[in-house]
Amino acid sequence: MASATAVLEPDQIPQAPAIRQLSDHKLAVSGQVDASSVLPLRAEGERLIGACQPEQNLCIDLAELATASSIVLSLLLCWQRQATARKITLQYSSVGERLHALASLSNLDKHLSGF
């Protein structure tokens, strides 16, 4: 009996999550975040936020984020707490509909600027 091998289209291949600095005031998150990838992503985000000056405005673009889950919301809240502790004004942009709906359902949209 031959086994069937699923062939994924390029847009179906899971993309490793990443956060990158676009400018002094803008970061971008991309890829699929899950329980096995969230901790390194959180650490890299905290490193980038930690490099910002106090009183700075910082935007995190979520346009290329492929996941909407409670794991992502927890990650964003961690970054929000760190930014607040450092007196950095953090704003999220390009929040997807599913992530926004999940945040609203959980009443977390009030704690995440840009939602």
PDB file of N, CA and C in Angstrom:
ATOM      1  N   MET A   1       0.845  -1.171   0.000  1.00  0.00           N
ATOM      2  CA  MET A   1       0.000   0.000   0.000  1.00  0.00           C
ATOM      3  C   MET A   1       0.892   1.236   0.000  1.00  0.00           C
ATOM      4  N   ALA A   2       0.722   2.095  -0.958  1.00  0.00           N
ATOM      5  CA  ALA A   2       1.526   3.310  -1.078  1.00  0.00           C
ATOM      6  C   ALA A   2       0.987   4.368  -0.136  1.00  0.00           C
ATOM      7  N   SER A   3       1.896   5.090   0.479  1.00  0.00           N
ATOM      8  CA  SER A   3       1.444   6.163   1.371  1.00  0.00           C
ATOM      9  C   SER A   3       1.293   7.448   0.571  1.00  0.00           C
ATOM     10  N   ALA A   4       0.298   8.208   0.920  1.00  0.00           N
ATOM     11  CA  ALA A   4       0.056   9.481   0.250  1.00  0.00           C
ATOM     12  C   ALA A   4       0.892  10.564   0.925  1.00  0.00           C
ATOM     13  N   THR A   5       1.574  11.321   0.118  1.00  0.00           N
ATOM     14  CA  THR A   5       2.378  12.420   0.623  1.00  0.00           C
ATOM     15  C   THR A   5       1.708  13.715   0.198  1.00  0.00           C
ATOM     16  N   ALA A   6       1.385  14.535   1.184  1.00  0.00           N
ATOM     17  CA  ALA A   6       0.749  15.815   0.886  1.00  0.00           C
ATOM     18  C   ALA A   6       1.798  16.781   0.360  1.00  0.00           C
ATOM     19  N   VAL A   7       1.470  17.445  -0.708  1.00  0.00           N
ATOM     20  CA  VAL A   7       2.349  18.461  -1.269  1.00  0.00           C
ATOM     21  C   VAL A   7       1.740  19.811  -0.928  1.00  0.00           C
ATOM     22  N   LEU A   8       2.523  20.614  -0.236  1.00  0.00           N
ATOM     23  CA  LEU A   8       2.038  21.932   0.169  1.00  0.00           C
ATOM     24  C   LEU A   8       2.412  22.973  -0.871  1.00  0.00           C
ATOM     25  N   GLU A   9       1.490  23.849  -1.119  1.00  0.00           N
ATOM     26  CA  GLU A   9       1.762  25.001  -1.976  1.00  0.00           C
ATOM     27  C   GLU A   9       2.684  25.950  -1.210  1.00  0.00           C
ATOM     28  N   PRO A  10       3.458  26.783  -1.899  1.00  0.00           N
ATOM     29  CA  PRO A  10       4.374  27.698  -1.194  1.00  0.00           C
ATOM     30  C   PRO A  10       3.696  28.562  -0.132  1.00  0.00           C
ATOM     31  N   ASP A  11       2.462  28.985  -0.389  1.00  0.00           N
ATOM     32  CA  ASP A  11       1.779  29.825   0.597  1.00  0.00           C
ATOM     33  C   ASP A  11       1.220  29.015   1.771  1.00  0.00           C
ATOM     34  N   GLN A  12       1.330  27.677   1.735  1.00  0.00           N
ATOM     35  CA  GLN A  12       0.851  26.830   2.822  1.00  0.00           C
ATOM     36  C   GLN A  12       1.980  26.360   3.733  1.00  0.00           C
ATOM     37  N   ILE A  13       3.220  26.616   3.346  1.00  0.00           N
ATOM     38  CA  ILE A  13       4.361  26.185   4.141  1.00  0.00           C
ATOM     39  C   ILE A  13       4.480  27.104   5.351  1.00  0.00           C
ATOM     40  N   PRO A  14       4.451  26.530   6.551  1.00  0.00           N
ATOM     41  CA  PRO A  14       4.535  27.366   7.748  1.00  0.00           C
ATOM     42  C   PRO A  14       5.827  28.179   7.749  1.00  0.00           C
ATOM     43  N   GLN A  15       5.681  29.451   8.027  1.00  0.00           N
ATOM     44  CA  GLN A  15       6.820  30.357   8.067  1.00  0.00           C
ATOM     45  C   GLN A  15       7.261  30.524   9.515  1.00  0.00           C
ATOM     46  N   ALA A  16       8.540  30.355   9.765  1.00  0.00           N
ATOM     47  CA  ALA A  16       9.066  30.540  11.121  1.00  0.00           C
ATOM     48  C   ALA A  16       8.814  31.973  11.556  1.00  0.00           C
ATOM     49  N   PRO A  17       8.416  32.172  12.805  1.00  0.00           N
ATOM     50  CA  PRO A  17       8.150  33.531  13.261  1.00  0.00           C
ATOM     51  C   PRO A  17       9.439  34.325  13.425  1.00  0.00           C
ATOM     52  N   ALA A  18       9.323  35.622  13.208  1.00  0.00           N
ATOM     53  CA  ALA A  18      10.480  36.508  13.360  1.00  0.00           C
ATOM     54  C   ALA A  18       9.995  37.897  13.722  1.00  0.00           C
ATOM     55  N   ILE A  19      10.859  38.631  14.377  1.00  0.00           N
ATOM     56  CA  ILE A  19      10.625  40.050  14.604  1.00  0.00           C
ATOM     57  C   ILE A  19      11.873  40.760  14.112  1.00  0.00           C
ATOM     58  N   ARG A  20      11.659  41.801  13.339  1.00  0.00           N
ATOM     59  CA  ARG A  20      12.803  42.524  12.795  1.00  0.00           C
ATOM     60  C   ARG A  20      12.577  44.022  12.936  1.00  0.00           C
ATOM     61  N   GLN A  21      13.677  44.733  12.975  1.00  0.00           N
ATOM     62  CA  GLN A  21      13.625  46.182  13.125  1.00  0.00           C
ATOM     63  C   GLN A  21      13.588  46.815  11.745  1.00  0.00           C
ATOM     64  N   LEU A  22      12.547  47.605  11.481  1.00  0.00           N
ATOM     65  CA  LEU A  22      12.413  48.298  10.209  1.00  0.00           C
ATOM     66  C   LEU A  22      13.022  49.696  10.274  1.00  0.00           C
ATOM     67  N   SER A  23      12.955  50.299  11.449  1.00  0.00           N
ATOM     68  CA  SER A  23      13.539  51.630  11.677  1.00  0.00           C
ATOM     69  C   SER A  23      13.694  51.807  13.180  1.00  0.00           C
ATOM     70  N   ASP A  24      14.168  52.966  13.599  1.00  0.00           N
ATOM     71  CA  ASP A  24      14.328  53.234  15.032  1.00  0.00           C
ATOM     72  C   ASP A  24      13.003  53.173  15.781  1.00  0.00           C
ATOM     73  N   HIS A  25      11.904  53.381  15.064  1.00  0.00           N
ATOM     74  CA  HIS A  25      10.593  53.463  15.710  1.00  0.00           C
ATOM     75  C   HIS A  25       9.603  52.411  15.226  1.00  0.00           C
ATOM     76  N   LYS A  26      10.079  51.417  14.476  1.00  0.00           N
ATOM     77  CA  LYS A  26       9.142  50.430  13.939  1.00  0.00           C
ATOM     78  C   LYS A  26       9.779  49.043  13.875  1.00  0.00           C
ATOM     79  N   LEU A  27       9.014  48.067  14.395  1.00  0.00           N
ATOM     80  CA  LEU A  27       9.375  46.655  14.322  1.00  0.00           C
ATOM     81  C   LEU A  27       8.281  45.949  13.526  1.00  0.00           C
ATOM     82  N   ALA A  28       8.599  44.781  12.980  1.00  0.00           N
ATOM     83  CA  ALA A  28       7.596  43.991  12.253  1.00  0.00           C
ATOM     84  C   ALA A  28       7.703  42.538  12.681  1.00  0.00           C
ATOM     85  N   VAL A  29       6.541  41.927  12.918  1.00  0.00           N
ATOM     86  CA  VAL A  29       6.463  40.514  13.284  1.00  0.00           C
ATOM     87  C   VAL A  29       5.902  39.762  12.085  1.00  0.00           C
ATOM     88  N   SER A  30       6.483  38.603  11.817  1.00  0.00           N
ATOM     89  CA  SER A  30       5.995  37.792  10.701  1.00  0.00           C
ATOM     90  C   SER A  30       6.023  36.314  11.075  1.00  0.00           C
ATOM     91  N   GLY A  31       5.283  35.517  10.306  1.00  0.00           N
ATOM     92  CA  GLY A  31       5.303  34.071  10.480  1.00  0.00           C
ATOM     93  C   GLY A  31       4.205  33.534  11.369  1.00  0.00           C
ATOM     94  N   GLN A  32       4.348  32.245  11.678  1.00  0.00           N
ATOM     95  CA  GLN A  32       3.366  31.546  12.499  1.00  0.00           C
ATOM     96  C   GLN A  32       3.940  31.308  13.890  1.00  0.00           C
ATOM     97  N   VAL A  33       3.249  31.804  14.889  1.00  0.00           N
ATOM     98  CA  VAL A  33       3.686  31.679  16.272  1.00  0.00           C
ATOM     99  C   VAL A  33       2.913  30.540  16.923  1.00  0.00           C
ATOM    100  N   ASP A  34       3.651  29.643  17.594  1.00  0.00           N
ATOM    101  CA  ASP A  34       3.003  28.570  18.346  1.00  0.00           C
ATOM    102  C   ASP A  34       3.766  28.377  19.655  1.00  0.00           C
ATOM    103  N   ALA A  35       3.344  27.401  20.429  1.00  0.00           N
ATOM    104  CA  ALA A  35       3.941  27.188  21.752  1.00  0.00           C
ATOM    105  C   ALA A  35       5.431  26.874  21.676  1.00  0.00           C
ATOM    106  N   SER A  36       5.874  26.256  20.599  1.00  0.00           N
ATOM    107  CA  SER A  36       7.295  25.904  20.495  1.00  0.00           C
ATOM    108  C   SER A  36       8.165  27.054  19.997  1.00  0.00           C
ATOM    109  N   SER A  37       7.550  28.079  19.435  1.00  0.00           N
ATOM    110  CA  SER A  37       8.342  29.182  18.877  1.00  0.00           C
ATOM    111  C   SER A  37       8.189  30.502  19.620  1.00  0.00           C
ATOM    112  N   VAL A  38       7.261  30.577  20.549  1.00  0.00           N
ATOM    113  CA  VAL A  38       6.949  31.865  21.160  1.00  0.00           C
ATOM    114  C   VAL A  38       8.066  32.381  22.075  1.00  0.00           C
ATOM    115  N   LEU A  39       8.746  31.512  22.804  1.00  0.00           N
ATOM    116  CA  LEU A  39       9.753  31.996  23.753  1.00  0.00           C
ATOM    117  C   LEU A  39      10.942  32.672  23.071  1.00  0.00           C
ATOM    118  N   PRO A  40      11.527  32.084  22.019  1.00  0.00           N
ATOM    119  CA  PRO A  40      12.610  32.813  21.342  1.00  0.00           C
ATOM    120  C   PRO A  40      12.133  34.120  20.708  1.00  0.00           C
ATOM    121  N   LEU A  41      10.913  34.123  20.172  1.00  0.00           N
ATOM    122  CA  LEU A  41      10.360  35.344  19.586  1.00  0.00           C
ATOM    123  C   LEU A  41      10.158  36.405  20.659  1.00  0.00           C
ATOM    124  N   ARG A  42       9.640  35.995  21.808  1.00  0.00           N
ATOM    125  CA  ARG A  42       9.454  36.931  22.924  1.00  0.00           C
ATOM    126  C   ARG A  42      10.791  37.532  23.350  1.00  0.00           C
ATOM    127  N   ALA A  43      11.815  36.686  23.473  1.00  0.00           N
ATOM    128  CA  ALA A  43      13.131  37.165  23.901  1.00  0.00           C
ATOM    129  C   ALA A  43      13.711  38.165  22.906  1.00  0.00           C
ATOM    130  N   GLU A  44      13.577  37.882  21.621  1.00  0.00           N
ATOM    131  CA  GLU A  44      14.112  38.807  20.615  1.00  0.00           C
ATOM    132  C   GLU A  44      13.337  40.127  20.626  1.00  0.00           C
ATOM    133  N   GLY A  45      12.019  40.054  20.779  1.00  0.00           N
ATOM    134  CA  GLY A  45      11.216  41.273  20.884  1.00  0.00           C
ATOM    135  C   GLY A  45      11.594  42.089  22.104  1.00  0.00           C
ATOM    136  N   GLU A  46      11.804  41.416  23.222  1.00  0.00           N
ATOM    137  CA  GLU A  46      12.209  42.121  24.445  1.00  0.00           C
ATOM    138  C   GLU A  46      13.584  42.761  24.281  1.00  0.00           C
ATOM    139  N   ARG A  47      14.472  42.092  23.549  1.00  0.00           N
ATOM    140  CA  ARG A  47      15.789  42.678  23.296  1.00  0.00           C
ATOM    141  C   ARG A  47      15.660  43.957  22.464  1.00  0.00           C
ATOM    142  N   LEU A  48      14.832  43.912  21.431  1.00  0.00           N
ATOM    143  CA  LEU A  48      14.643  45.086  20.574  1.00  0.00           C
ATOM    144  C   LEU A  48      13.932  46.218  21.311  1.00  0.00           C
ATOM    145  N   ILE A  49      12.934  45.885  22.100  1.00  0.00           N
ATOM    146  CA  ILE A  49      12.238  46.908  22.895  1.00  0.00           C
ATOM    147  C   ILE A  49      13.185  47.492  23.929  1.00  0.00           C
ATOM    148  N   GLY A  50      13.996  46.641  24.543  1.00  0.00           N
ATOM    149  CA  GLY A  50      14.959  47.094  25.538  1.00  0.00           C
ATOM    150  C   GLY A  50      16.006  48.032  24.976  1.00  0.00           C
ATOM    151  N   ALA A  51      16.256  47.961  23.683  1.00  0.00           N
ATOM    152  CA  ALA A  51      17.237  48.844  23.042  1.00  0.00           C
ATOM    153  C   ALA A  51      16.665  50.229  22.751  1.00  0.00           C
ATOM    154  N   CYS A  52      15.356  50.398  22.910  1.00  0.00           N
ATOM    155  CA  CYS A  52      14.717  51.696  22.659  1.00  0.00           C
ATOM    156  C   CYS A  52      14.964  52.636  23.827  1.00  0.00           C
ATOM    157  N   GLN A  53      14.938  53.913  23.518  1.00  0.00           N
ATOM    158  CA  GLN A  53      15.104  54.936  24.534  1.00  0.00           C
ATOM    159  C   GLN A  53      13.788  55.145  25.292  1.00  0.00           C
ATOM    160  N   PRO A  54      13.864  55.419  26.602  1.00  0.00           N
ATOM    161  CA  PRO A  54      12.648  55.771  27.339  1.00  0.00           C
ATOM    162  C   PRO A  54      11.974  56.978  26.684  1.00  0.00           C
ATOM    163  N   GLU A  55      10.684  57.039  26.788  1.00  0.00           N
ATOM    164  CA  GLU A  55       9.853  58.104  26.218  1.00  0.00           C
ATOM    165  C   GLU A  55       9.719  57.998  24.696  1.00  0.00           C
ATOM    166  N   GLN A  56      10.261  56.964  24.104  1.00  0.00           N
ATOM    167  CA  GLN A  56      10.193  56.777  22.653  1.00  0.00           C
ATOM    168  C   GLN A  56       8.851  56.183  22.254  1.00  0.00           C
ATOM    169  N   ASN A  57       8.377  56.516  21.069  1.00  0.00           N
ATOM    170  CA  ASN A  57       7.212  55.873  20.477  1.00  0.00           C
ATOM    171  C   ASN A  57       7.705  54.715  19.635  1.00  0.00           C
ATOM    172  N   LEU A  58       7.052  53.566  19.757  1.00  0.00           N
ATOM    173  CA  LEU A  58       7.445  52.378  19.008  1.00  0.00           C
ATOM    174  C   LEU A  58       6.200  51.722  18.439  1.00  0.00           C
ATOM    175  N   CYS A  59       6.244  51.380  17.158  1.00  0.00           N
ATOM    176  CA  CYS A  59       5.141  50.694  16.491  1.00  0.00           C
ATOM    177  C   CYS A  59       5.593  49.286  16.123  1.00  0.00           C
ATOM    178  N   ILE A  60       4.737  48.304  16.409  1.00  0.00           N
ATOM    179  CA  ILE A  60       4.998  46.933  15.991  1.00  0.00           C
ATOM    180  C   ILE A  60       3.947  46.552  14.955  1.00  0.00           C
ATOM    181  N   ASP A  61       4.404  46.335  13.738  1.00  0.00           N
ATOM    182  CA  ASP A  61       3.545  46.007  12.606  1.00  0.00           C
ATOM    183  C   ASP A  61       3.262  44.504  12.604  1.00  0.00           C
ATOM    184  N   LEU A  62       1.982  44.156  12.582  1.00  0.00           N
ATOM    185  CA  LEU A  62       1.564  42.748  12.614  1.00  0.00           C
ATOM    186  C   LEU A  62       1.018  42.268  11.272  1.00  0.00           C
ATOM    187  N   ALA A  63       1.250  43.015  10.208  1.00  0.00           N
ATOM    188  CA  ALA A  63       0.671  42.687   8.897  1.00  0.00           C
ATOM    189  C   ALA A  63       1.066  41.304   8.407  1.00  0.00           C
ATOM    190  N   GLU A  64       2.278  40.862   8.705  1.00  0.00           N
ATOM    191  CA  GLU A  64       2.759  39.573   8.206  1.00  0.00           C
ATOM    192  C   GLU A  64       2.634  38.452   9.236  1.00  0.00           C
ATOM    193  N   LEU A  65       1.965  38.724  10.336  1.00  0.00           N
ATOM    194  CA  LEU A  65       1.732  37.707  11.360  1.00  0.00           C
ATOM    195  C   LEU A  65       0.669  36.746  10.850  1.00  0.00           C
ATOM    196  N   ALA A  66       0.981  35.459  10.827  1.00  0.00           N
ATOM    197  CA  ALA A  66       0.081  34.465  10.239  1.00  0.00           C
ATOM    198  C   ALA A  66      -0.781  33.744  11.272  1.00  0.00           C
ATOM    199  N   THR A  67      -0.669  34.108  12.544  1.00  0.00           N
ATOM    200  CA  THR A  67      -1.350  33.384  13.609  1.00  0.00           C
ATOM    201  C   THR A  67      -2.207  34.328  14.448  1.00  0.00           C
ATOM    202  N   ALA A  68      -3.389  33.867  14.802  1.00  0.00           N
ATOM    203  CA  ALA A  68      -4.240  34.574  15.755  1.00  0.00           C
ATOM    204  C   ALA A  68      -4.592  33.575  16.847  1.00  0.00           C
ATOM    205  N   SER A  69      -3.977  33.716  18.010  1.00  0.00           N
ATOM    206  CA  SER A  69      -4.230  32.770  19.092  1.00  0.00           C
ATOM    207  C   SER A  69      -3.977  33.434  20.436  1.00  0.00           C
ATOM    208  N   SER A  70      -4.334  32.733  21.500  1.00  0.00           N
ATOM    209  CA  SER A  70      -4.078  33.248  22.843  1.00  0.00           C
ATOM    210  C   SER A  70      -2.569  33.333  23.104  1.00  0.00           C
ATOM    211  N   ILE A  71      -1.793  32.497  22.448  1.00  0.00           N
ATOM    212  CA  ILE A  71      -0.336  32.558  22.588  1.00  0.00           C
ATOM    213  C   ILE A  71       0.175  33.898  22.067  1.00  0.00           C
ATOM    214  N   VAL A  72      -0.351  34.334  20.933  1.00  0.00           N
ATOM    215  CA  VAL A  72       0.057  35.623  20.358  1.00  0.00           C
ATOM    216  C   VAL A  72      -0.369  36.766  21.271  1.00  0.00           C
ATOM    217  N   LEU A  73      -1.587  36.702  21.786  1.00  0.00           N
ATOM    218  CA  LEU A  73      -2.054  37.762  22.693  1.00  0.00           C
ATOM    219  C   LEU A  73      -1.160  37.839  23.929  1.00  0.00           C
ATOM    220  N   SER A  74      -0.789  36.709  24.476  1.00  0.00           N
ATOM    221  CA  SER A  74       0.099  36.682  25.634  1.00  0.00           C
ATOM    222  C   SER A  74       1.446  37.318  25.294  1.00  0.00           C
ATOM    223  N   LEU A  75       1.975  36.988  24.127  1.00  0.00           N
ATOM    224  CA  LEU A  75       3.232  37.572  23.662  1.00  0.00           C
ATOM    225  C   LEU A  75       3.137  39.091  23.572  1.00  0.00           C
ATOM    226  N   LEU A  76       2.076  39.582  22.957  1.00  0.00           N
ATOM    227  CA  LEU A  76       1.901  41.028  22.795  1.00  0.00           C
ATOM    228  C   LEU A  76       1.747  41.720  24.146  1.00  0.00           C
ATOM    229  N   LEU A  77       1.057  41.067  25.084  1.00  0.00           N
ATOM    230  CA  LEU A  77       0.919  41.637  26.426  1.00  0.00           C
ATOM    231  C   LEU A  77       2.267  41.695  27.149  1.00  0.00           C
ATOM    232  N   CYS A  78       3.104  40.689  26.953  1.00  0.00           N
ATOM    233  CA  CYS A  78       4.456  40.713  27.551  1.00  0.00           C
ATOM    234  C   CYS A  78       5.247  41.898  27.026  1.00  0.00           C
ATOM    235  N   TRP A  79       5.203  42.091  25.719  1.00  0.00           N
ATOM    236  CA  TRP A  79       5.916  43.235  25.135  1.00  0.00           C
ATOM    237  C   TRP A  79       5.322  44.548  25.619  1.00  0.00           C
ATOM    238  N   GLN A  80       4.001  44.596  25.766  1.00  0.00           N
ATOM    239  CA  GLN A  80       3.338  45.820  26.251  1.00  0.00           C
ATOM    240  C   GLN A  80       3.791  46.142  27.669  1.00  0.00           C
ATOM    241  N   ARG A  81       3.865  45.130  28.530  1.00  0.00           N
ATOM    242  CA  ARG A  81       4.320  45.354  29.915  1.00  0.00           C
ATOM    243  C   ARG A  81       5.749  45.858  29.952  1.00  0.00           C
ATOM    244  N   GLN A  82       6.610  45.268  29.131  1.00  0.00           N
ATOM    245  CA  GLN A  82       8.004  45.709  29.111  1.00  0.00           C
ATOM    246  C   GLN A  82       8.103  47.152  28.628  1.00  0.00           C
ATOM    247  N   ALA A  83       7.391  47.483  27.581  1.00  0.00           N
ATOM    248  CA  ALA A  83       7.424  48.853  27.057  1.00  0.00           C
ATOM    249  C   ALA A  83       6.919  49.840  28.103  1.00  0.00           C
ATOM    250  N   THR A  84       5.831  49.511  28.759  1.00  0.00           N
ATOM    251  CA  THR A  84       5.273  50.386  29.794  1.00  0.00           C
ATOM    252  C   THR A  84       6.272  50.589  30.924  1.00  0.00           C
ATOM    253  N   ALA A  85       6.931  49.531  31.351  1.00  0.00           N
ATOM    254  CA  ALA A  85       7.921  49.628  32.430  1.00  0.00           C
ATOM    255  C   ALA A  85       9.089  50.526  32.031  1.00  0.00           C
ATOM    256  N   ARG A  86       9.414  50.572  30.736  1.00  0.00           N
ATOM    257  CA  ARG A  86      10.515  51.409  30.252  1.00  0.00           C
ATOM    258  C   ARG A  86      10.038  52.784  29.775  1.00  0.00           C
ATOM    259  N   LYS A  87       8.751  53.072  29.993  1.00  0.00           N
ATOM    260  CA  LYS A  87       8.147  54.347  29.581  1.00  0.00           C
ATOM    261  C   LYS A  87       8.216  54.548  28.063  1.00  0.00           C
ATOM    262  N   ILE A  88       8.034  53.460  27.334  1.00  0.00           N
ATOM    263  CA  ILE A  88       7.982  53.486  25.878  1.00  0.00           C
ATOM    264  C   ILE A  88       6.521  53.364  25.467  1.00  0.00           C
ATOM    265  N   THR A  89       6.085  54.240  24.575  1.00  0.00           N
ATOM    266  CA  THR A  89       4.713  54.176  24.074  1.00  0.00           C
ATOM    267  C   THR A  89       4.676  53.171  22.929  1.00  0.00           C
ATOM    268  N   LEU A  90       3.976  52.062  23.159  1.00  0.00           N
ATOM    269  CA  LEU A  90       3.922  50.976  22.175  1.00  0.00           C
ATOM    270  C   LEU A  90       2.569  50.972  21.492  1.00  0.00           C
ATOM    271  N   GLN A  91       2.597  50.891  20.181  1.00  0.00           N
ATOM    272  CA  GLN A  91       1.386  50.860  19.354  1.00  0.00           C
ATOM    273  C   GLN A  91       1.501  49.674  18.402  1.00  0.00           C
ATOM    274  N   TYR A  92       0.437  48.888  18.269  1.00  0.00           N
ATOM    275  CA  TYR A  92       0.405  47.804  17.303  1.00  0.00           C
ATOM    276  C   TYR A  92      -0.334  48.281  16.065  1.00  0.00           C
ATOM    277  N   SER A  93       0.143  47.889  14.890  1.00  0.00           N
ATOM    278  CA  SER A  93      -0.534  48.279  13.649  1.00  0.00           C
ATOM    279  C   SER A  93      -0.804  47.049  12.786  1.00  0.00           C
ATOM    280  N   SER A  94      -1.702  47.226  11.844  1.00  0.00           N
ATOM    281  CA  SER A  94      -2.086  46.162  10.899  1.00  0.00           C
ATOM    282  C   SER A  94      -2.522  44.885  11.621  1.00  0.00           C
ATOM    283  N   VAL A  95      -3.346  45.068  12.632  1.00  0.00           N
ATOM    284  CA  VAL A  95      -3.862  43.938  13.407  1.00  0.00           C
ATOM    285  C   VAL A  95      -4.921  43.225  12.563  1.00  0.00           C
ATOM    286  N   GLY A  96      -4.750  41.935  12.366  1.00  0.00           N
ATOM    287  CA  GLY A  96      -5.706  41.158  11.581  1.00  0.00           C
ATOM    288  C   GLY A  96      -7.059  41.050  12.269  1.00  0.00           C
ATOM    289  N   GLU A  97      -8.089  40.798  11.476  1.00  0.00           N
ATOM    290  CA  GLU A  97      -9.458  40.705  12.003  1.00  0.00           C
ATOM    291  C   GLU A  97      -9.598  39.613  13.060  1.00  0.00           C
ATOM    292  N   ARG A  98      -9.005  38.442  12.802  1.00  0.00           N
ATOM    293  CA  ARG A  98      -9.140  37.321  13.745  1.00  0.00           C
ATOM    294  C   ARG A  98      -8.465  37.631  15.073  1.00  0.00           C
ATOM    295  N   LEU A  99      -7.276  38.230  15.027  1.00  0.00           N
ATOM    296  CA  LEU A  99      -6.577  38.580  16.259  1.00  0.00           C
ATOM    297  C   LEU A  99      -7.325  39.673  17.005  1.00  0.00           C
ATOM    298  N   HIS A 100      -7.843  40.639  16.269  1.00  0.00           N
ATOM    299  CA  HIS A 100      -8.632  41.708  16.894  1.00  0.00           C
ATOM    300  C   HIS A 100      -9.880  41.137  17.563  1.00  0.00           C
ATOM    301  N   ALA A 101     -10.563  40.228  16.887  1.00  0.00           N
ATOM    302  CA  ALA A 101     -11.770  39.616  17.453  1.00  0.00           C
ATOM    303  C   ALA A 101     -11.442  38.818  18.713  1.00  0.00           C
ATOM    304  N   LEU A 102     -10.350  38.083  18.695  1.00  0.00           N
ATOM    305  CA  LEU A 102      -9.930  37.309  19.863  1.00  0.00           C
ATOM    306  C   LEU A 102      -9.594  38.233  21.030  1.00  0.00           C
ATOM    307  N   ALA A 103      -8.909  39.316  20.743  1.00  0.00           N
ATOM    308  CA  ALA A 103      -8.572  40.284  21.794  1.00  0.00           C
ATOM    309  C   ALA A 103      -9.838  40.920  22.357  1.00  0.00           C
ATOM    310  N   SER A 104     -10.780  41.254  21.493  1.00  0.00           N
ATOM    311  CA  SER A 104     -12.041  41.860  21.943  1.00  0.00           C
ATOM    312  C   SER A 104     -12.829  40.887  22.808  1.00  0.00           C
ATOM    313  N   LEU A 105     -12.892  39.640  22.374  1.00  0.00           N
ATOM    314  CA  LEU A 105     -13.616  38.611  23.121  1.00  0.00           C
ATOM    315  C   LEU A 105     -13.030  38.435  24.515  1.00  0.00           C
ATOM    316  N   SER A 106     -11.729  38.581  24.626  1.00  0.00           N
ATOM    317  CA  SER A 106     -11.025  38.422  25.897  1.00  0.00           C
ATOM    318  C   SER A 106     -10.908  39.727  26.680  1.00  0.00           C
ATOM    319  N   ASN A 107     -11.475  40.804  26.152  1.00  0.00           N
ATOM    320  CA  ASN A 107     -11.365  42.143  26.746  1.00  0.00           C
ATOM    321  C   ASN A 107      -9.918  42.601  26.879  1.00  0.00           C
ATOM    322  N   LEU A 108      -9.064  42.122  25.991  1.00  0.00           N
ATOM    323  CA  LEU A 108      -7.660  42.536  26.006  1.00  0.00           C
ATOM    324  C   LEU A 108      -7.388  43.684  25.041  1.00  0.00           C
ATOM    325  N   ASP A 109      -8.343  43.960  24.162  1.00  0.00           N
ATOM    326  CA  ASP A 109      -8.143  45.048  23.194  1.00  0.00           C
ATOM    327  C   ASP A 109      -7.948  46.393  23.875  1.00  0.00           C
ATOM    328  N   LYS A 110      -8.470  46.545  25.083  1.00  0.00           N
ATOM    329  CA  LYS A 110      -8.310  47.793  25.835  1.00  0.00           C
ATOM    330  C   LYS A 110      -6.893  47.957  26.378  1.00  0.00           C
ATOM    331  N   HIS A 111      -6.143  46.869  26.425  1.00  0.00           N
ATOM    332  CA  HIS A 111      -4.787  46.877  26.975  1.00  0.00           C
ATOM    333  C   HIS A 111      -3.706  46.892  25.905  1.00  0.00           C
ATOM    334  N   LEU A 112      -4.122  46.766  24.652  1.00  0.00           N
ATOM    335  CA  LEU A 112      -3.178  46.706  23.548  1.00  0.00           C
ATOM    336  C   LEU A 112      -3.490  47.857  22.588  1.00  0.00           C
ATOM    337  N   SER A 113      -2.661  48.863  22.602  1.00  0.00           N
ATOM    338  CA  SER A 113      -2.896  50.043  21.769  1.00  0.00           C
ATOM    339  C   SER A 113      -2.800  49.676  20.296  1.00  0.00           C
ATOM    340  N   GLY A 114      -3.804  50.104  19.549  1.00  0.00           N
ATOM    341  CA  GLY A 114      -3.855  49.805  18.124  1.00  0.00           C
ATOM    342  C   GLY A 114      -4.878  48.735  17.777  1.00  0.00           C
ATOM    343  N   PHE A 115      -5.461  48.109  18.796  1.00  0.00           N
ATOM    344  CA  PHE A 115      -6.475  47.074  18.568  1.00  0.00           C
ATOM    345  C   PHE A 115      -7.859  47.690  18.482  1.00  0.00           C
TER     346      PHE A 115
END
